[in-house]
C-alpha atoms as a PDB file:
ATOM      1  CA  MET A   1     -19.129  17.467  30.524  1.00  0.00           C
ATOM      2  CA  SER A   2     -22.486  15.975  31.940  1.00  0.00           C
ATOM      3  CA  ASP A   3     -22.335  12.588  33.705  1.00  0.00           C
ATOM      4  CA  ALA A   4     -24.832  11.362  31.024  1.00  0.00           C
ATOM      5  CA  TYR A   5     -22.653  12.260  28.121  1.00  0.00           C
ATOM      6  CA  GLY A   6     -19.678  10.943  29.779  1.00  0.00           C
ATOM      7  CA  GLN A   7     -21.489   7.555  30.239  1.00  0.00           C
ATOM      8  CA  LEU A   8     -22.662   7.620  26.602  1.00  0.00           C
ATOM      9  CA  LEU A   9     -19.044   8.077  25.525  1.00  0.00           C
ATOM     10  CA  ASP A  10     -17.865   5.322  27.469  1.00  0.00           C
ATOM     11  CA  ALA A  11     -20.519   3.209  26.418  1.00  0.00           C
ATOM     12  CA  THR A  12     -19.849   3.922  22.621  1.00  0.00           C
ATOM     13  CA  ILE A  13     -16.046   3.392  23.084  1.00  0.00           C
ATOM     14  CA  GLN A  14     -16.705  -0.090  24.709  1.00  0.00           C
ATOM     15  CA  HIS A  15     -19.081  -0.973  21.931  1.00  0.00           C
ATOM     16  CA  LEU A  16     -16.499  -0.165  19.272  1.00  0.00           C
ATOM     17  CA  GLU A  17     -13.943  -2.452  21.314  1.00  0.00           C
ATOM     18  CA  ASP A  18     -16.451  -5.257  21.455  1.00  0.00           C
ATOM     19  CA  LEU A  19     -17.104  -5.181  17.684  1.00  0.00           C
ATOM     20  CA  LYS A  20     -13.318  -5.009  16.917  1.00  0.00           C
ATOM     21  CA  ALA A  21     -12.900  -8.221  19.289  1.00  0.00           C
ATOM     22  CA  ARG A  22     -15.354  -9.867  17.187  1.00  0.00           C
ATOM     23  CA  GLY A  23     -13.590  -9.564  13.977  1.00  0.00           C
ATOM     24  CA  VAL A  24     -15.715  -6.485  12.760  1.00  0.00           C
ATOM     25  CA  ARG A  25     -13.392  -4.191  11.035  1.00  0.00           C
ATOM     26  CA  HIS A  26     -15.571  -1.125   9.609  1.00  0.00           C
ATOM     27  CA  VAL A  27     -18.677   0.264  10.769  1.00  0.00           C
ATOM     28  CA  ALA A  28     -21.341   2.095   8.606  1.00  0.00           C
ATOM     29  CA  VAL A  29     -22.453   5.375   9.592  1.00  0.00           C
ATOM     30  CA  ALA A  30     -25.290   7.155   7.847  1.00  0.00           C
ATOM     31  CA  PRO A  31     -24.923  10.753   6.410  1.00  0.00           C
ATOM     32  CA  GLU A  32     -27.381  12.052   8.748  1.00  0.00           C
ATOM     33  CA  THR A  33     -25.529  10.714  11.725  1.00  0.00           C
ATOM     34  CA  LEU A  34     -22.049  12.549  10.838  1.00  0.00           C
ATOM     35  CA  ALA A  35     -24.638  15.452  10.342  1.00  0.00           C
ATOM     36  CA  ALA A  36     -25.896  15.170  13.651  1.00  0.00           C
ATOM     37  CA  LEU A  37     -22.491  14.636  15.232  1.00  0.00           C
ATOM     38  CA  ALA A  38     -21.134  17.933  13.575  1.00  0.00           C
ATOM     39  CA  LYS A  39     -23.877  19.769  15.445  1.00  0.00           C
ATOM     40  CA  PRO A  40     -23.276  21.386  18.912  1.00  0.00           C
ATOM     41  CA  ILE A  41     -24.030  19.281  21.809  1.00  0.00           C
ATOM     42  CA  VAL A  42     -27.475  19.956  23.254  1.00  0.00           C
ATOM     43  CA  GLY A  43     -28.716  18.961  26.704  1.00  0.00           C
ATOM     44  CA  ARG A  44     -28.753  20.032  30.331  1.00  0.00           C
ATOM     45  CA  ASP A  45     -25.539  22.226  29.416  1.00  0.00           C
ATOM     46  CA  ALA A  46     -27.054  23.695  26.471  1.00  0.00           C
ATOM     47  CA  PRO A  47     -29.148  27.032  26.207  1.00  0.00           C
ATOM     48  CA  PRO A  48     -32.615  26.643  27.385  1.00  0.00           C
ATOM     49  CA  GLY A  49     -35.661  26.355  24.729  1.00  0.00           C
ATOM     50  CA  ARG A  50     -33.742  24.059  22.521  1.00  0.00           C
ATOM     51  CA  PRO A  51     -34.891  20.249  22.335  1.00  0.00           C
ATOM     52  CA  GLU A  52     -32.351  17.708  23.109  1.00  0.00           C
ATOM     53  CA  LYS A  53     -30.946  15.964  19.957  1.00  0.00           C
ATOM     54  CA  VAL A  54     -30.079  12.357  20.054  1.00  0.00           C
ATOM     55  CA  SER A  55     -27.600  10.990  17.307  1.00  0.00           C
ATOM     56  CA  PRO A  56     -28.749   7.730  15.825  1.00  0.00           C
ATOM     57  CA  PRO A  57     -26.535   4.679  17.214  1.00  0.00           C
ATOM     58  CA  ILE A  58     -23.623   3.449  15.031  1.00  0.00           C
ATOM     59  CA  SER A  59     -24.746  -0.006  13.293  1.00  0.00           C
ATOM     60  CA  ASP A  60     -22.439  -2.997  13.358  1.00  0.00           C
ATOM     61  CA  GLU A  61     -23.859  -4.343  10.276  1.00  0.00           C
ATOM     62  CA  PRO A  62     -21.637  -4.535   7.195  1.00  0.00           C
ATOM     63  CA  ALA A  63     -21.835  -1.591   4.804  1.00  0.00           C
ATOM     64  CA  ALA A  64     -23.628  -2.108   1.496  1.00  0.00           C
ATOM     65  CA  ARG A  65     -21.730  -2.268  -1.700  1.00  0.00           C
ATOM     66  CA  PRO A  66     -21.299   1.048  -3.647  1.00  0.00           C
ATOM     67  CA  TYR A  67     -24.493   1.923  -5.630  1.00  0.00           C
ATOM     68  CA  GLN A  68     -24.008   1.389  -9.280  1.00  0.00           C
ATOM     69  CA  LYS A  69     -25.581   4.294 -11.121  1.00  0.00           C
ATOM     70  CA  THR A  70     -28.075   3.304 -13.660  1.00  0.00           C
ATOM     71  CA  THR A  71     -30.612   5.520 -15.585  1.00  0.00           C
ATOM     72  CA  ALA A  72     -33.471   3.746 -14.235  1.00  0.00           C
ATOM     73  CA  ALA A  73     -33.076   4.810 -10.255  1.00  0.00           C
ATOM     74  CA  PRO A  74     -31.288   7.889  -8.758  1.00  0.00           C
ATOM     75  CA  VAL A  75     -27.909   7.417  -6.686  1.00  0.00           C
ATOM     76  CA  ALA A  76     -28.661   6.912  -3.103  1.00  0.00           C
ATOM     77  CA  GLU A  77     -26.570   8.463  -0.569  1.00  0.00           C
ATOM     78  CA  GLN A  78     -24.264   5.746   0.900  1.00  0.00           C
ATOM     79  CA  PRO A  79     -22.939   5.463   4.341  1.00  0.00           C
ATOM     80  CA  THR A  80     -19.480   6.357   5.290  1.00  0.00           C
ATOM     81  CA  LEU A  81     -17.161   3.784   6.371  1.00  0.00           C
ATOM     82  CA  LEU A  82     -15.333   4.433   9.555  1.00  0.00           C
ATOM     83  CA  ALA A  83     -12.243   2.312  10.514  1.00  0.00           C
ATOM     84  CA  LEU A  84     -11.992   0.870  13.897  1.00  0.00           C
ATOM     85  CA  PRO A  85      -8.621   1.749  15.801  1.00  0.00           C
ATOM     86  CA  GLY A  86      -5.673   0.385  14.259  1.00  0.00           C
ATOM     87  CA  GLU A  87      -7.382  -0.635  10.958  1.00  0.00           C
ATOM     88  CA  THR A  88      -7.386   0.647   7.349  1.00  0.00           C
ATOM     89  CA  VAL A  89     -10.174   2.503   5.616  1.00  0.00           C
ATOM     90  CA  PRO A  90     -11.205   0.485   2.619  1.00  0.00           C
ATOM     91  CA  ALA A  91     -10.223   1.095  -0.877  1.00  0.00           C
ATOM     92  CA  SER A  92     -13.737   2.292  -1.714  1.00  0.00           C
ATOM     93  CA  ALA A  93     -13.636   5.312   0.363  1.00  0.00           C
ATOM     94  CA  PRO A  94     -12.294   8.388  -1.419  1.00  0.00           C
ATOM     95  CA  LEU A  95      -9.197   9.967  -0.480  1.00  0.00           C
ATOM     96  CA  ASP A  96      -9.069  13.854  -0.495  1.00  0.00           C
ATOM     97  CA  PRO A  97      -5.845  14.834  -2.428  1.00  0.00           C
ATOM     98  CA  GLN A  98      -4.606  17.074   0.200  1.00  0.00           C
ATOM     99  CA  ALA A  99      -5.095  14.815   3.075  1.00  0.00           C
ATOM    100  CA  LYS A 100      -3.457  11.815   1.063  1.00  0.00           C
ATOM    101  CA  ALA A 101      -0.358  13.962   0.614  1.00  0.00           C
ATOM    102  CA  ALA A 102      -0.381  14.983   4.050  1.00  0.00           C
ATOM    103  CA  ALA A 103      -0.728  11.520   5.476  1.00  0.00           C
ATOM    104  CA  PHE A 104       2.195  10.317   2.889  1.00  0.00           C
ATOM    105  CA  ALA A 105       4.274  13.057   4.353  1.00  0.00           C
ATOM    106  CA  ALA A 106       3.500  12.127   7.704  1.00  0.00           C
ATOM    107  CA  LEU A 107       4.382   8.433   7.049  1.00  0.00           C
ATOM    108  CA  ARG A 108       7.527   9.385   5.425  1.00  0.00           C
ATOM    109  CA  GLU A 109       8.505  11.372   8.585  1.00  0.00           C
ATOM    110  CA  ARG A 110       7.778   8.471  10.880  1.00  0.00           C
ATOM    111  CA  ALA A 111       9.782   5.944   8.671  1.00  0.00           C
ATOM    112  CA  LEU A 112      12.854   8.312   8.319  1.00  0.00           C
ATOM    113  CA  ALA A 113      12.901   8.342  12.289  1.00  0.00           C
ATOM    114  CA  CYS A 114      12.187   4.585  12.848  1.00  0.00           C
ATOM    115  CA  VAL A 115      14.611   2.619  14.923  1.00  0.00           C
ATOM    116  CA  LYS A 116      12.719  -0.566  15.445  1.00  0.00           C
ATOM    117  CA  CYS A 117      15.742  -2.519  14.254  1.00  0.00           C
ATOM    118  CA  PRO A 118      18.529  -1.082  16.081  1.00  0.00           C
ATOM    119  CA  HIS A 119      21.017  -2.994  14.205  1.00  0.00           C
ATOM    120  CA  LEU A 120      19.772  -1.449  11.028  1.00  0.00           C
ATOM    121  CA  ALA A 121      19.432   1.826  12.375  1.00  0.00           C
ATOM    122  CA  SER A 122      23.048   1.931  13.683  1.00  0.00           C
ATOM    123  CA  SER A 123      24.452   0.752  10.376  1.00  0.00           C
ATOM    124  CA  ARG A 124      22.458   2.547   7.884  1.00  0.00           C
ATOM    125  CA  LYS A 125      23.304   5.807   6.183  1.00  0.00           C
ATOM    126  CA  THR A 126      19.708   6.500   5.000  1.00  0.00           C
ATOM    127  CA  VAL A 127      16.088   5.214   5.134  1.00  0.00           C
ATOM    128  CA  VAL A 128      15.256   4.514   1.538  1.00  0.00           C
ATOM    129  CA  PHE A 129      11.387   5.326   1.915  1.00  0.00           C
ATOM    130  CA  GLY A 130      10.368   5.021  -1.654  1.00  0.00           C
ATOM    131  CA  VAL A 131      10.054   7.268  -4.792  1.00  0.00           C
ATOM    132  CA  GLY A 132       7.369   8.084  -7.528  1.00  0.00           C
ATOM    133  CA  SER A 133       3.814   9.160  -7.873  1.00  0.00           C
ATOM    134  CA  ILE A 134       1.500   8.956  -4.894  1.00  0.00           C
ATOM    135  CA  ASP A 135      -1.203   8.502  -7.455  1.00  0.00           C
ATOM    136  CA  ALA A 136       0.580   5.696  -9.438  1.00  0.00           C
ATOM    137  CA  GLN A 137      -1.507   2.958 -10.989  1.00  0.00           C
ATOM    138  CA  LEU A 138       1.668   0.821 -10.993  1.00  0.00           C
ATOM    139  CA  MET A 139       3.817   0.265  -8.069  1.00  0.00           C
ATOM    140  CA  PHE A 140       6.903  -1.821  -7.967  1.00  0.00           C
ATOM    141  CA  VAL A 141       8.172  -3.493  -4.511  1.00  0.00           C
ATOM    142  CA  GLY A 142      11.702  -4.851  -4.257  1.00  0.00           C
ATOM    143  CA  GLU A 143      13.638  -6.671  -1.386  1.00  0.00           C
ATOM    144  CA  ALA A 144      15.705  -4.020   0.351  1.00  0.00           C
ATOM    145  CA  PRO A 145      18.224  -1.264  -0.221  1.00  0.00           C
ATOM    146  CA  GLY A 146      21.518  -1.887  -1.349  1.00  0.00           C
ATOM    147  CA  ALA A 147      24.777  -0.151  -1.074  1.00  0.00           C
ATOM    148  CA  ASP A 148      23.950   2.499  -3.853  1.00  0.00           C
ATOM    149  CA  GLU A 149      20.605   2.859  -2.270  1.00  0.00           C
ATOM    150  CA  ASP A 150      21.795   3.439   1.149  1.00  0.00           C
ATOM    151  CA  GLU A 151      23.978   5.938  -0.030  1.00  0.00           C
ATOM    152  CA  GLN A 152      21.600   8.046  -2.306  1.00  0.00           C
ATOM    153  CA  GLY A 153      18.214   7.337  -0.526  1.00  0.00           C
ATOM    154  CA  GLU A 154      16.353   6.141  -3.375  1.00  0.00           C
ATOM    155  CA  PRO A 155      15.343   2.601  -4.294  1.00  0.00           C
ATOM    156  CA  PHE A 156      16.674   0.884  -7.438  1.00  0.00           C
ATOM    157  CA  VAL A 157      19.618   3.225  -8.400  1.00  0.00           C
ATOM    158  CA  GLY A 158      22.267   0.827  -8.985  1.00  0.00           C
ATOM    159  CA  LYS A 159      22.874  -1.457 -11.994  1.00  0.00           C
ATOM    160  CA  ALA A 160      19.681  -3.298 -11.455  1.00  0.00           C
ATOM    161  CA  GLY A 161      17.639  -0.145 -10.862  1.00  0.00           C
ATOM    162  CA  GLN A 162      19.111   1.186 -14.097  1.00  0.00           C
ATOM    163  CA  LEU A 163      17.761  -2.049 -15.764  1.00  0.00           C
ATOM    164  CA  LEU A 164      14.325  -1.522 -14.056  1.00  0.00           C
ATOM    165  CA  THR A 165      14.168   1.935 -15.506  1.00  0.00           C
ATOM    166  CA  LYS A 166      14.781   0.585 -19.061  1.00  0.00           C
ATOM    167  CA  ILE A 167      11.896  -2.057 -18.410  1.00  0.00           C
ATOM    168  CA  ILE A 168       9.457   0.856 -16.919  1.00  0.00           C
ATOM    169  CA  GLN A 169      10.419   2.863 -20.069  1.00  0.00           C
ATOM    170  CA  ALA A 170       9.822   0.198 -22.616  1.00  0.00           C
ATOM    171  CA  THR A 171       6.281   0.056 -21.324  1.00  0.00           C
ATOM    172  CA  GLY A 172       5.675   3.657 -22.220  1.00  0.00           C
ATOM    173  CA  LEU A 173       6.004   4.821 -18.822  1.00  0.00           C
ATOM    174  CA  SER A 174       8.739   6.695 -16.602  1.00  0.00           C
ATOM    175  CA  ARG A 175       9.854   6.409 -12.957  1.00  0.00           C
ATOM    176  CA  ALA A 176       7.954   9.588 -12.158  1.00  0.00           C
ATOM    177  CA  ASP A 177       4.754   7.605 -13.371  1.00  0.00           C
ATOM    178  CA  VAL A 178       5.075   4.574 -11.145  1.00  0.00           C
ATOM    179  CA  TYR A 179       5.763   4.143  -7.399  1.00  0.00           C
ATOM    180  CA  ILE A 180       9.017   2.124  -6.402  1.00  0.00           C
ATOM    181  CA  GLY A 181       9.357   0.740  -2.852  1.00  0.00           C
ATOM    182  CA  ASN A 182      10.931  -2.224  -0.853  1.00  0.00           C
ATOM    183  CA  ILE A 183       9.951  -4.583   1.741  1.00  0.00           C
ATOM    184  CA  LEU A 184      12.680  -3.070   4.155  1.00  0.00           C
ATOM    185  CA  LYS A 185      13.454   0.593   4.221  1.00  0.00           C
ATOM    186  CA  CYS A 186      16.796   0.052   5.608  1.00  0.00           C
ATOM    187  CA  ARG A 187      19.721  -1.892   4.025  1.00  0.00           C
ATOM    188  CA  PRO A 188      20.323  -4.878   5.883  1.00  0.00           C
ATOM    189  CA  ASP A 189      23.785  -4.927   7.948  1.00  0.00           C
ATOM    190  CA  THR A 190      26.509  -7.048   6.858  1.00  0.00           C
ATOM    191  CA  PRO A 191      28.878  -7.135   9.960  1.00  0.00           C
ATOM    192  CA  GLY A 192      32.458  -8.061   9.134  1.00  0.00           C
ATOM    193  CA  GLN A 193      31.719  -7.471   5.236  1.00  0.00           C
ATOM    194  CA  SER A 194      33.158  -4.437   3.313  1.00  0.00           C
ATOM    195  CA  ALA A 195      30.761  -5.242   0.395  1.00  0.00           C
ATOM    196  CA  GLY A 196      27.886  -7.234  -0.697  1.00  0.00           C
ATOM    197  CA  ASN A 197      24.389  -7.779   0.702  1.00  0.00           C
ATOM    198  CA  ARG A 198      22.463 -10.151   2.637  1.00  0.00           C
ATOM    199  CA  LYS A 199      18.706 -11.125   2.363  1.00  0.00           C
ATOM    200  CA  PRO A 200      16.431  -9.659   4.929  1.00  0.00           C
ATOM    201  CA  THR A 201      15.317 -12.009   7.990  1.00  0.00           C
ATOM    202  CA  ALA A 202      11.729 -12.816   8.523  1.00  0.00           C
ATOM    203  CA  ASP A 203      11.623 -10.678  11.599  1.00  0.00           C
ATOM    204  CA  GLU A 204      13.040  -7.576   9.829  1.00  0.00           C
ATOM    205  CA  MET A 205      10.544  -7.910   7.124  1.00  0.00           C
ATOM    206  CA  THR A 206       7.644  -8.421   9.766  1.00  0.00           C
ATOM    207  CA  THR A 207       8.840  -5.185  11.609  1.00  0.00           C
ATOM    208  CA  CYS A 208       8.939  -2.997   8.449  1.00  0.00           C
ATOM    209  CA  ILE A 209       6.347  -4.244   6.403  1.00  0.00           C
ATOM    210  CA  PRO A 210       3.683  -1.913   8.037  1.00  0.00           C
ATOM    211  CA  TYR A 211       5.231   1.139   6.511  1.00  0.00           C
ATOM    212  CA  LEU A 212       4.803  -0.658   2.914  1.00  0.00           C
ATOM    213  CA  HIS A 213       1.254  -1.386   4.028  1.00  0.00           C
ATOM    214  CA  GLU A 214       0.446   2.238   4.741  1.00  0.00           C
ATOM    215  CA  GLN A 215       2.178   3.184   1.300  1.00  0.00           C
ATOM    216  CA  ILE A 216      -0.316   0.595  -0.458  1.00  0.00           C
ATOM    217  CA  ASP A 217      -3.368   1.797   1.355  1.00  0.00           C
ATOM    218  CA  LEU A 218      -2.594   5.394   0.616  1.00  0.00           C
ATOM    219  CA  ILE A 219      -1.437   5.031  -3.063  1.00  0.00           C
ATOM    220  CA  ARG A 220      -4.028   2.591  -3.930  1.00  0.00           C
ATOM    221  CA  PRO A 221      -2.275   1.219  -7.226  1.00  0.00           C
ATOM    222  CA  LYS A 222      -4.227  -1.024  -9.645  1.00  0.00           C
ATOM    223  CA  VAL A 223      -1.326  -3.503  -9.809  1.00  0.00           C
ATOM    224  CA  ILE A 224       1.688  -4.305  -7.630  1.00  0.00           C
ATOM    225  CA  VAL A 225       4.912  -5.932  -9.385  1.00  0.00           C
ATOM    226  CA  ALA A 226       6.835  -7.947  -6.787  1.00  0.00           C
ATOM    227  CA  LEU A 227      10.378  -8.269  -7.973  1.00  0.00           C
ATOM    228  CA  GLY A 228      12.361 -11.349  -6.804  1.00  0.00           C
ATOM    229  CA  ALA A 229      11.613 -14.102  -4.372  1.00  0.00           C
ATOM    230  CA  THR A 230      12.431 -12.262  -1.363  1.00  0.00           C
ATOM    231  CA  ALA A 231       9.679  -9.579  -2.134  1.00  0.00           C
ATOM    232  CA  VAL A 232       7.224 -12.247  -3.015  1.00  0.00           C
ATOM    233  CA  GLU A 233       7.923 -13.798   0.321  1.00  0.00           C
ATOM    234  CA  GLY A 234       7.676 -10.788   2.113  1.00  0.00           C
ATOM    235  CA  LEU A 235       4.246  -9.951   0.508  1.00  0.00           C
ATOM    236  CA  LEU A 236       2.769 -13.386   0.348  1.00  0.00           C
ATOM    237  CA  GLY A 237       4.782 -15.527   2.846  1.00  0.00           C
ATOM    238  CA  LYS A 238       6.581 -18.716   1.905  1.00  0.00           C
ATOM    239  CA  THR A 239       5.810 -19.695  -1.598  1.00  0.00           C
ATOM    240  CA  LEU A 240       6.608 -22.358  -4.385  1.00  0.00           C
ATOM    241  CA  GLY A 241       9.428 -20.002  -5.398  1.00  0.00           C
ATOM    242  CA  ILE A 242       9.912 -17.314  -7.844  1.00  0.00           C
ATOM    243  CA  THR A 243      10.315 -19.721 -10.875  1.00  0.00           C
ATOM    244  CA  LYS A 244       7.223 -21.269 -10.395  1.00  0.00           C
ATOM    245  CA  LEU A 245       5.144 -18.022  -9.288  1.00  0.00           C
ATOM    246  CA  ARG A 246       6.486 -15.538 -11.702  1.00  0.00           C
ATOM    247  CA  GLY A 247       3.936 -14.926 -14.657  1.00  0.00           C
ATOM    248  CA  THR A 248       0.740 -15.805 -12.426  1.00  0.00           C
ATOM    249  CA  TRP A 249      -1.516 -13.268 -10.924  1.00  0.00           C
ATOM    250  CA  LYS A 250      -1.718 -13.002  -7.269  1.00  0.00           C
ATOM    251  CA  THR A 251      -3.761 -10.753  -4.866  1.00  0.00           C
ATOM    252  CA  TYR A 252      -2.095  -8.487  -2.138  1.00  0.00           C
ATOM    253  CA  ARG A 253      -4.510  -6.708   0.145  1.00  0.00           C
ATOM    254  CA  GLY A 254      -7.106  -6.615  -2.535  1.00  0.00           C
ATOM    255  CA  THR A 255      -4.607  -5.584  -5.591  1.00  0.00           C
ATOM    256  CA  PRO A 256      -3.733  -7.633  -8.342  1.00  0.00           C
ATOM    257  CA  LEU A 257      -0.105  -8.711  -7.923  1.00  0.00           C
ATOM    258  CA  MET A 258       2.339 -10.039 -10.494  1.00  0.00           C
ATOM    259  CA  PRO A 259       5.430 -11.810  -9.492  1.00  0.00           C
ATOM    260  CA  THR A 260       8.519 -11.458 -11.646  1.00  0.00           C
ATOM    261  CA  TYR A 261      12.203 -11.916 -11.586  1.00  0.00           C
ATOM    262  CA  HIS A 262      14.287  -9.202  -9.905  1.00  0.00           C
ATOM    263  CA  PRO A 263      16.323  -7.124 -12.443  1.00  0.00           C
ATOM    264  CA  ALA A 264      19.694  -8.482 -10.763  1.00  0.00           C
ATOM    265  CA  TYR A 265      18.688 -11.825 -12.026  1.00  0.00           C
ATOM    266  CA  LEU A 266      18.725 -10.433 -15.596  1.00  0.00           C
ATOM    267  CA  LEU A 267      22.172  -9.258 -15.043  1.00  0.00           C
ATOM    268  CA  ARG A 268      23.584 -12.353 -13.798  1.00  0.00           C
ATOM    269  CA  ASN A 269      21.583 -14.261 -16.561  1.00  0.00           C
ATOM    270  CA  GLN A 270      21.427 -12.380 -19.614  1.00  0.00           C
ATOM    271  CA  ALA A 271      19.624 -15.147 -21.895  1.00  0.00           C
ATOM    272  CA  MET A 272      17.185 -13.871 -24.227  1.00  0.00           C
ATOM    273  CA  SER A 273      14.668 -16.406 -23.048  1.00  0.00           C
ATOM    274  CA  GLU A 274      14.839 -15.113 -19.539  1.00  0.00           C
ATOM    275  CA  LYS A 275      14.501 -11.418 -20.624  1.00  0.00           C
ATOM    276  CA  ARG A 276      11.294 -12.494 -22.670  1.00  0.00           C
ATOM    277  CA  LYS A 277       9.854 -14.082 -19.362  1.00  0.00           C
ATOM    278  CA  VAL A 278      10.012 -10.688 -17.619  1.00  0.00           C
ATOM    279  CA  TRP A 279       8.759  -9.076 -20.537  1.00  0.00           C
ATOM    280  CA  GLU A 280       5.807 -11.072 -20.903  1.00  0.00           C
ATOM    281  CA  ASP A 281       5.156 -10.613 -17.268  1.00  0.00           C
ATOM    282  CA  MET A 282       5.061  -6.783 -18.105  1.00  0.00           C
ATOM    283  CA  LEU A 283       2.947  -7.207 -20.976  1.00  0.00           C
ATOM    284  CA  ALA A 284       0.433  -8.889 -18.720  1.00  0.00           C
ATOM    285  CA  VAL A 285       0.706  -5.784 -16.350  1.00  0.00           C
ATOM    286  CA  MET A 286       0.134  -3.551 -19.084  1.00  0.00           C
ATOM    287  CA  GLU A 287      -3.053  -5.459 -20.410  1.00  0.00           C
ATOM    288  CA  LYS A 288      -4.134  -5.595 -16.713  1.00  0.00           C
ATOM    289  CA  LEU A 289      -3.888  -1.848 -16.744  1.00  0.00           C
ATOM    290  CA  GLU A 290      -5.338  -1.328 -20.165  1.00  0.00           C
ATOM    291  CA  MET A 291      -2.501   0.295 -21.671  1.00  0.00           C
ATOM    292  CA  PRO A 292      -1.920   0.267 -25.472  1.00  0.00           C
ATOM    293  CA  ILE A 293       0.463  -2.245 -26.490  1.00  0.00           C
ATOM    294  CA  SER A 294       2.230  -1.899 -30.009  1.00  0.00           C
ATOM    295  CA  GLU A 295       3.329  -4.734 -32.262  1.00  0.00           C
ATOM    296  CA  LYS A 296       6.735  -3.589 -31.589  1.00  0.00           C
ATOM    297  CA  GLN A 297       6.485  -3.959 -27.919  1.00  0.00           C
ATOM    298  CA  ARG A 298       4.816  -7.452 -28.412  1.00  0.00           C
ATOM    299  CA  ARG A 299       7.735  -8.895 -30.195  1.00  0.00           C
ATOM    300  CA  PHE A 300      10.675  -7.531 -27.742  1.00  0.00           C
ATOM    301  CA  PHE A 301      13.069 -10.135 -27.029  1.00  0.00           C
ATOM    302  CA  LEU A 302      11.716 -12.575 -29.440  1.00  0.00           C
ATOM    303  CA  LYS A 303      14.061 -14.204 -32.298  1.00  0.00           C
ATOM    304  CA  ALA A 304      13.730 -12.717 -35.514  1.00  0.00           C
END
């Protein structure tokens, strides 16, 4: 590698680091730039007789919004958005299905081997990564695995999970159509207790939630449903409480989010009025997803 090339590479890396320090999270790269970068390096080390090619510089200007196709004008080729180190490619960039599956598999392997919380890693039986379609339009996020989930390695398989499955099926979907995950991938340890669960700590949620962020960024659901107060707290931070928040649309990482009660709450309080509240939240989710809703579905949990 020539001295000039090394200096150019160092300058480029420093430029990107400076952009990141100034808050720039993505850079726009023209298609011709990518094409030039794909060509063999030409210069003093190249065969004689070929002119030296210089790639256009990377711009720190924000990328233009995707062009909306109309009949009046042709579609212009758009810049490619490249993420700076440690950042996520924005939702507008398409994901190749094979690359998406490979990235998801790699993420799963990292999560399964995670020991960032030694006390949880030493007490868990399994890491409960998540289950469902990685192409799902609807994603459910719960609190943390319980005893049944820790045993089986799948979220929402106990009594609360069975009720969640019934709720999903009532919308016309199945568990295989959606994606189900948790704020925590490990069951919170309960030292000195032979049974029961505990709420994840703020530090535990902060440590584990980057895995969920990557899941959301790869799946790119159209709607997220947060199940219960702890899931809402993990996603949105300290809030007014689930009673006041449920049924009101929020936004999480650019995705519409519907807070609702955890299925375990409905097992403790089986009043028709409480079931109806959760179902009204799901009707709003179905409308947001433009799913067909029958008159029978609209009347679920209403007094005759």
